[in-house]
Every structure is written in structure tokens, then in C-alpha cells.
PDB file of N, CA and C in Angstrom:
ATOM      1  N   UNK A   1     114.307  93.431 116.823  1.00  0.00           N
ATOM      2  CA  UNK A   1     113.067  92.824 117.288  1.00  0.00           C
ATOM      3  C   UNK A   1     111.892  93.695 116.848  1.00  0.00           C
ATOM      4  N   UNK A   2     110.938  93.105 116.184  1.00  0.00           N
ATOM      5  CA  UNK A   2     109.758  93.812 115.696  1.00  0.00           C
ATOM      6  C   UNK A   2     108.655  93.691 116.731  1.00  0.00           C
ATOM      7  N   UNK A   3     108.126  94.831 117.155  1.00  0.00           N
ATOM      8  CA  UNK A   3     107.022  94.834 118.108  1.00  0.00           C
ATOM      9  C   UNK A   3     105.762  95.260 117.382  1.00  0.00           C
ATOM     10  N   UNK A   4     104.610  94.804 117.867  1.00  0.00           N
ATOM     11  CA  UNK A   4     103.361  95.122 117.182  1.00  0.00           C
ATOM     12  C   UNK A   4     102.735  96.419 117.668  1.00  0.00           C
ATOM     13  N   UNK A   5     103.370  97.121 118.571  1.00  0.00           N
ATOM     14  CA  UNK A   5     102.851  98.407 119.017  1.00  0.00           C
ATOM     15  C   UNK A   5     102.958  99.432 117.902  1.00  0.00           C
ATOM     16  N   UNK A   6     102.131 100.479 117.978  1.00  0.00           N
ATOM     17  CA  UNK A   6     102.155 101.525 116.949  1.00  0.00           C
ATOM     18  C   UNK A   6     103.503 102.229 116.941  1.00  0.00           C
ATOM     19  N   UNK A   7     104.091 102.407 115.784  1.00  0.00           N
ATOM     20  CA  UNK A   7     105.377 103.100 115.710  1.00  0.00           C
ATOM     21  C   UNK A   7     105.209 104.561 116.121  1.00  0.00           C
ATOM     22  N   UNK A   8     106.180 105.070 116.820  1.00  0.00           N
ATOM     23  CA  UNK A   8     106.141 106.442 117.294  1.00  0.00           C
ATOM     24  C   UNK A   8     106.000 107.409 116.125  1.00  0.00           C
ATOM     25  N   UNK A   9     105.031 108.302 116.221  1.00  0.00           N
ATOM     26  CA  UNK A   9     104.864 109.349 115.222  1.00  0.00           C
ATOM     27  C   UNK A   9     104.158 108.922 113.947  1.00  0.00           C
ATOM     28  N   UNK A  10     103.791 107.657 113.817  1.00  0.00           N
ATOM     29  CA  UNK A  10     103.145 107.168 112.584  1.00  0.00           C
ATOM     30  C   UNK A  10     101.659 107.496 112.654  1.00  0.00           C
ATOM     31  N   UNK A  11     101.193 108.308 111.722  1.00  0.00           N
ATOM     32  CA  UNK A  11      99.768 108.631 111.677  1.00  0.00           C
ATOM     33  C   UNK A  11      99.218 108.233 110.308  1.00  0.00           C
ATOM     34  N   UNK A  12      97.947 107.875 110.248  1.00  0.00           N
ATOM     35  CA  UNK A  12      97.367 107.489 108.962  1.00  0.00           C
ATOM     36  C   UNK A  12      97.395 108.651 107.973  1.00  0.00           C
ATOM     37  N   UNK A  13      97.552 108.336 106.711  1.00  0.00           N
ATOM     38  CA  UNK A  13      97.575 109.337 105.644  1.00  0.00           C
ATOM     39  C   UNK A  13      96.184 109.924 105.426  1.00  0.00           C
ATOM     40  N   UNK A  14      95.144 109.094 105.565  1.00  0.00           N
ATOM     41  CA  UNK A  14      93.759 109.521 105.367  1.00  0.00           C
ATOM     42  C   UNK A  14      92.997 109.324 106.667  1.00  0.00           C
ATOM     43  N   UNK A  15      91.866 110.008 106.784  1.00  0.00           N
ATOM     44  CA  UNK A  15      91.018 109.840 107.965  1.00  0.00           C
ATOM     45  C   UNK A  15      89.578 109.585 107.516  1.00  0.00           C
ATOM     46  N   UNK A  16      88.768 109.074 108.431  1.00  0.00           N
ATOM     47  CA  UNK A  16      87.368 108.811 108.139  1.00  0.00           C
ATOM     48  C   UNK A  16      86.707 110.104 107.660  1.00  0.00           C
ATOM     49  N   UNK A  17      85.961 110.012 106.579  1.00  0.00           N
ATOM     50  CA  UNK A  17      85.285 111.166 105.996  1.00  0.00           C
ATOM     51  C   UNK A  17      86.012 111.795 104.821  1.00  0.00           C
ATOM     52  N   UNK A  18      87.295 111.450 104.633  1.00  0.00           N
ATOM     53  CA  UNK A  18      88.029 112.001 103.489  1.00  0.00           C
ATOM     54  C   UNK A  18      87.436 111.469 102.188  1.00  0.00           C
ATOM     55  N   UNK A  19      87.262 112.360 101.228  1.00  0.00           N
ATOM     56  CA  UNK A  19      86.800 111.976  99.894  1.00  0.00           C
ATOM     57  C   UNK A  19      88.027 111.603  99.072  1.00  0.00           C
ATOM     58  N   UNK A  20      87.991 110.415  98.479  1.00  0.00           N
ATOM     59  CA  UNK A  20      89.149 109.894  97.763  1.00  0.00           C
ATOM     60  C   UNK A  20      88.723 109.296  96.419  1.00  0.00           C
ATOM     61  N   UNK A  21      89.728 108.995  95.609  1.00  0.00           N
ATOM     62  CA  UNK A  21      89.496 108.250  94.371  1.00  0.00           C
ATOM     63  C   UNK A  21      90.562 107.182  94.242  1.00  0.00           C
ATOM     64  N   UNK A  22      90.242 106.142  93.493  1.00  0.00           N
ATOM     65  CA  UNK A  22      91.180 105.052  93.259  1.00  0.00           C
ATOM     66  C   UNK A  22      92.231 105.547  92.274  1.00  0.00           C
ATOM     67  N   UNK A  23      93.499 105.487  92.679  1.00  0.00           N
ATOM     68  CA  UNK A  23      94.578 106.081  91.891  1.00  0.00           C
ATOM     69  C   UNK A  23      95.425 105.054  91.138  1.00  0.00           C
ATOM     70  N   UNK A  24      95.199 103.782  91.363  1.00  0.00           N
ATOM     71  CA  UNK A  24      96.007 102.765  90.683  1.00  0.00           C
ATOM     72  C   UNK A  24      95.320 102.316  89.394  1.00  0.00           C
ATOM     73  N   UNK A  25      96.117 101.780  88.483  1.00  0.00           N
ATOM     74  CA  UNK A  25      95.548 101.348  87.212  1.00  0.00           C
ATOM     75  C   UNK A  25      94.635 100.144  87.412  1.00  0.00           C
ATOM     76  N   UNK A  26      93.721  99.993  86.506  1.00  0.00           N
ATOM     77  CA  UNK A  26      92.771  98.892  86.571  1.00  0.00           C
ATOM     78  C   UNK A  26      91.362  99.391  86.330  1.00  0.00           C
ATOM     79  N   UNK A  27      90.400  98.488  86.407  1.00  0.00           N
ATOM     80  CA  UNK A  27      89.017  98.851  86.079  1.00  0.00           C
ATOM     81  C   UNK A  27      88.402  99.801  87.105  1.00  0.00           C
ATOM     82  N   UNK A  28      88.984  99.918  88.304  1.00  0.00           N
ATOM     83  CA  UNK A  28      88.433 100.821  89.324  1.00  0.00           C
ATOM     84  C   UNK A  28      89.080 102.205  89.306  1.00  0.00           C
ATOM     85  N   UNK A  29      90.085 102.399  88.478  1.00  0.00           N
ATOM     86  CA  UNK A  29      90.798 103.681  88.439  1.00  0.00           C
ATOM     87  C   UNK A  29      89.811 104.836  88.264  1.00  0.00           C
ATOM     88  N   UNK A  30      89.931 105.846  89.128  1.00  0.00           N
ATOM     89  CA  UNK A  30      89.081 107.023  89.059  1.00  0.00           C
ATOM     90  C   UNK A  30      87.795 106.907  89.861  1.00  0.00           C
ATOM     91  N   UNK A  31      87.467 105.705  90.334  1.00  0.00           N
ATOM     92  CA  UNK A  31      86.248 105.511  91.121  1.00  0.00           C
ATOM     93  C   UNK A  31      86.352 106.344  92.400  1.00  0.00           C
ATOM     94  N   UNK A  32      85.281 107.050  92.742  1.00  0.00           N
ATOM     95  CA  UNK A  32      85.293 107.974  93.873  1.00  0.00           C
ATOM     96  C   UNK A  32      84.486 107.426  95.043  1.00  0.00           C
ATOM     97  N   UNK A  33      84.998 107.681  96.244  1.00  0.00           N
ATOM     98  CA  UNK A  33      84.312 107.225  97.440  1.00  0.00           C
ATOM     99  C   UNK A  33      84.759 108.002  98.662  1.00  0.00           C
ATOM    100  N   UNK A  34      84.397 107.482  99.824  1.00  0.00           N
ATOM    101  CA  UNK A  34      84.703 108.134 101.100  1.00  0.00           C
ATOM    102  C   UNK A  34      85.333 107.106 102.033  1.00  0.00           C
ATOM    103  N   UNK A  35      86.389 107.517 102.734  1.00  0.00           N
ATOM    104  CA  UNK A  35      87.014 106.649 103.723  1.00  0.00           C
ATOM    105  C   UNK A  35      86.030 106.472 104.879  1.00  0.00           C
ATOM    106  N   UNK A  36      85.690 105.217 105.171  1.00  0.00           N
ATOM    107  CA  UNK A  36      84.723 104.936 106.233  1.00  0.00           C
ATOM    108  C   UNK A  36      85.371 104.274 107.445  1.00  0.00           C
ATOM    109  N   UNK A  37      86.591 103.754 107.276  1.00  0.00           N
ATOM    110  CA  UNK A  37      87.293 103.122 108.399  1.00  0.00           C
ATOM    111  C   UNK A  37      88.787 103.079 108.092  1.00  0.00           C
ATOM    112  N   UNK A  38      89.589 103.328 109.110  1.00  0.00           N
ATOM    113  CA  UNK A  38      91.043 103.228 108.999  1.00  0.00           C
ATOM    114  C   UNK A  38      91.492 102.122 109.936  1.00  0.00           C
ATOM    115  N   UNK A  39      92.179 101.118 109.405  1.00  0.00           N
ATOM    116  CA  UNK A  39      92.656 100.027 110.244  1.00  0.00           C
ATOM    117  C   UNK A  39      93.985 100.397 110.869  1.00  0.00           C
ATOM    118  N   UNK A  40      94.223  99.861 112.047  1.00  0.00           N
ATOM    119  CA  UNK A  40      95.552  99.965 112.637  1.00  0.00           C
ATOM    120  C   UNK A  40      96.454  99.038 111.844  1.00  0.00           C
ATOM    121  N   UNK A  41      97.734  99.244 111.969  1.00  0.00           N
ATOM    122  CA  UNK A  41      98.653  98.364 111.250  1.00  0.00           C
ATOM    123  C   UNK A  41      98.498  96.942 111.783  1.00  0.00           C
ATOM    124  N   UNK A  42      98.823  96.000 110.977  1.00  0.00           N
ATOM    125  CA  UNK A  42      98.691  94.585 111.342  1.00  0.00           C
ATOM    126  C   UNK A  42     100.064  93.982 111.620  1.00  0.00           C
ATOM    127  N   UNK A  43     100.907  94.707 112.341  1.00  0.00           N
ATOM    128  CA  UNK A  43     102.249  94.222 112.619  1.00  0.00           C
ATOM    129  C   UNK A  43     103.250  94.615 111.560  1.00  0.00           C
ATOM    130  N   UNK A  44     102.768  95.196 110.452  1.00  0.00           N
ATOM    131  CA  UNK A  44     103.668  95.600 109.374  1.00  0.00           C
ATOM    132  C   UNK A  44     103.770  97.115 109.256  1.00  0.00           C
ATOM    133  N   UNK A  45     103.121  97.822 110.179  1.00  0.00           N
ATOM    134  CA  UNK A  45     103.166  99.282 110.258  1.00  0.00           C
ATOM    135  C   UNK A  45     102.565  99.973 109.039  1.00  0.00           C
ATOM    136  N   UNK A  46     101.624  99.311 108.374  1.00  0.00           N
ATOM    137  CA  UNK A  46     100.963  99.879 107.209  1.00  0.00           C
ATOM    138  C   UNK A  46      99.465  99.972 107.496  1.00  0.00           C
ATOM    139  N   UNK A  47      98.913 101.177 107.377  1.00  0.00           N
ATOM    140  CA  UNK A  47      97.478 101.348 107.562  1.00  0.00           C
ATOM    141  C   UNK A  47      96.740 100.902 106.304  1.00  0.00           C
ATOM    142  N   UNK A  48      95.506 100.470 106.506  1.00  0.00           N
ATOM    143  CA  UNK A  48      94.617 100.154 105.390  1.00  0.00           C
ATOM    144  C   UNK A  48      93.374 101.014 105.537  1.00  0.00           C
ATOM    145  N   UNK A  49      92.737 101.310 104.417  1.00  0.00           N
ATOM    146  CA  UNK A  49      91.609 102.239 104.406  1.00  0.00           C
ATOM    147  C   UNK A  49      90.402 101.581 103.742  1.00  0.00           C
ATOM    148  N   UNK A  50      89.299 101.494 104.481  1.00  0.00           N
ATOM    149  CA  UNK A  50      88.056 100.986 103.910  1.00  0.00           C
ATOM    150  C   UNK A  50      87.337 102.162 103.266  1.00  0.00           C
ATOM    151  N   UNK A  51      87.055 102.023 101.978  1.00  0.00           N
ATOM    152  CA  UNK A  51      86.418 103.092 101.212  1.00  0.00           C
ATOM    153  C   UNK A  51      85.025 102.634 100.802  1.00  0.00           C
ATOM    154  N   UNK A  52      84.029 103.469 101.107  1.00  0.00           N
ATOM    155  CA  UNK A  52      82.654 103.205 100.699  1.00  0.00           C
ATOM    156  C   UNK A  52      82.340 103.976  99.437  1.00  0.00           C
ATOM    157  N   UNK A  53      81.638 103.325  98.509  1.00  0.00           N
ATOM    158  CA  UNK A  53      81.304 103.933  97.233  1.00  0.00           C
ATOM    159  C   UNK A  53      79.806 104.185  97.143  1.00  0.00           C
ATOM    160  N   UNK A  54      79.401 105.142  96.294  1.00  0.00           N
ATOM    161  CA  UNK A  54      77.977 105.481  96.170  1.00  0.00           C
ATOM    162  C   UNK A  54      77.078 104.300  95.802  1.00  0.00           C
ATOM    163  N   UNK A  55      77.637 103.284  95.154  1.00  0.00           N
ATOM    164  CA  UNK A  55      76.823 102.123  94.775  1.00  0.00           C
ATOM    165  C   UNK A  55      76.632 101.137  95.930  1.00  0.00           C
ATOM    166  N   UNK A  56      77.159 101.503  97.107  1.00  0.00           N
ATOM    167  CA  UNK A  56      76.996 100.669  98.291  1.00  0.00           C
ATOM    168  C   UNK A  56      78.116  99.674  98.530  1.00  0.00           C
ATOM    169  N   UNK A  57      79.077  99.596  97.613  1.00  0.00           N
ATOM    170  CA  UNK A  57      80.186  98.673  97.791  1.00  0.00           C
ATOM    171  C   UNK A  57      81.220  99.268  98.738  1.00  0.00           C
ATOM    172  N   UNK A  58      82.034  98.380  99.294  1.00  0.00           N
ATOM    173  CA  UNK A  58      83.090  98.752 100.228  1.00  0.00           C
ATOM    174  C   UNK A  58      84.327  97.963  99.847  1.00  0.00           C
ATOM    175  N   UNK A  59      85.470  98.630  99.835  1.00  0.00           N
ATOM    176  CA  UNK A  59      86.708  97.931  99.500  1.00  0.00           C
ATOM    177  C   UNK A  59      87.846  98.502 100.328  1.00  0.00           C
ATOM    178  N   UNK A  60      88.801  97.655 100.661  1.00  0.00           N
ATOM    179  CA  UNK A  60      89.970  98.053 101.457  1.00  0.00           C
ATOM    180  C   UNK A  60      91.151  98.339 100.536  1.00  0.00           C
ATOM    181  N   UNK A  61      91.842  99.445 100.822  1.00  0.00           N
ATOM    182  CA  UNK A  61      92.995  99.866 100.014  1.00  0.00           C
ATOM    183  C   UNK A  61      94.172 100.220 100.909  1.00  0.00           C
ATOM    184  N   UNK A  62      95.369 100.122 100.337  1.00  0.00           N
ATOM    185  CA  UNK A  62      96.558 100.694 100.938  1.00  0.00           C
ATOM    186  C   UNK A  62      96.584 102.177 100.565  1.00  0.00           C
ATOM    187  N   UNK A  63      97.320 102.972 101.308  1.00  0.00           N
ATOM    188  CA  UNK A  63      97.386 104.403 101.061  1.00  0.00           C
ATOM    189  C   UNK A  63      97.867 104.776  99.666  1.00  0.00           C
ATOM    190  N   UNK A  64      98.777 103.993  99.090  1.00  0.00           N
ATOM    191  CA  UNK A  64      99.291 104.333  97.759  1.00  0.00           C
ATOM    192  C   UNK A  64      98.284 104.050  96.655  1.00  0.00           C
ATOM    193  N   UNK A  65      97.195 103.333  96.975  1.00  0.00           N
ATOM    194  CA  UNK A  65      96.206 102.987  95.966  1.00  0.00           C
ATOM    195  C   UNK A  65      95.093 104.026  95.814  1.00  0.00           C
ATOM    196  N   UNK A  66      95.022 104.962  96.769  1.00  0.00           N
ATOM    197  CA  UNK A  66      93.996 105.999  96.726  1.00  0.00           C
ATOM    198  C   UNK A  66      94.641 107.374  96.879  1.00  0.00           C
ATOM    199  N   UNK A  67      93.890 108.406  96.525  1.00  0.00           N
ATOM    200  CA  UNK A  67      94.391 109.767  96.659  1.00  0.00           C
ATOM    201  C   UNK A  67      93.215 110.672  96.998  1.00  0.00           C
ATOM    202  N   UNK A  68      93.540 111.843  97.535  1.00  0.00           N
ATOM    203  CA  UNK A  68      92.504 112.814  97.891  1.00  0.00           C
ATOM    204  C   UNK A  68      91.762 113.291  96.649  1.00  0.00           C
ATOM    205  N   UNK A  69      90.451 113.397  96.767  1.00  0.00           N
ATOM    206  CA  UNK A  69      89.612 113.940  95.707  1.00  0.00           C
ATOM    207  C   UNK A  69      89.589 115.452  95.890  1.00  0.00           C
ATOM    208  N   UNK A  70      89.933 116.186  94.853  1.00  0.00           N
ATOM    209  CA  UNK A  70      89.940 117.652  94.943  1.00  0.00           C
ATOM    210  C   UNK A  70      88.517 118.158  95.117  1.00  0.00           C
ATOM    211  N   UNK A  71      88.336 119.037  96.057  1.00  0.00           N
ATOM    212  CA  UNK A  71      87.028 119.654  96.284  1.00  0.00           C
ATOM    213  C   UNK A  71      86.783 120.686  95.187  1.00  0.00           C
ATOM    214  N   UNK A  72      85.596 120.686  94.625  1.00  0.00           N
ATOM    215  CA  UNK A  72      85.287 121.693  93.612  1.00  0.00           C
ATOM    216  C   UNK A  72      84.941 123.017  94.294  1.00  0.00           C
ATOM    217  N   UNK A  73      85.390 124.090  93.724  1.00  0.00           N
ATOM    218  CA  UNK A  73      85.210 125.410  94.334  1.00  0.00           C
ATOM    219  C   UNK A  73      83.851 125.977  94.064  1.00  0.00           C
TER     220      UNK A  73
END
């Protein structure tokens, strides 16, 4: 039986404020932004991440589609 409650121990991979880049192939690959919202799972136990970009656009991604942006030293 599948319940819609949060699975025990499941935490989001990214958090609000994390600097990320688009890691999947396509025209957005390498685009950099900031996580502005983390959704709770929608019954499938998968978080989604709303990423805001410097051009003012916002897009939702799965965790495997984005990666942490390395901070420059």
C-alpha cells in the first residue's frame, strides 16, 4: 500500500539558496541559477526544485537534472 506521507529519512538533495546548473543535455545545459523552492513529493516520493535564473525565468527540475555549482575560491 502506497501512502502519500513523507518517506522516513527522505530529505531533498538541494535546498533553497543552493547555486546550481542544468546538468542534462539540451539547449539549457550549463545554465546557472538558484534553487528558490523545493516541492514536497507528489505521492511518488520525488522532490522537484524550482530554479530561478538571472534573466528572471523560473523552471522546475528533478534532482538528476541539476547539479551543485562549484563556488569559485
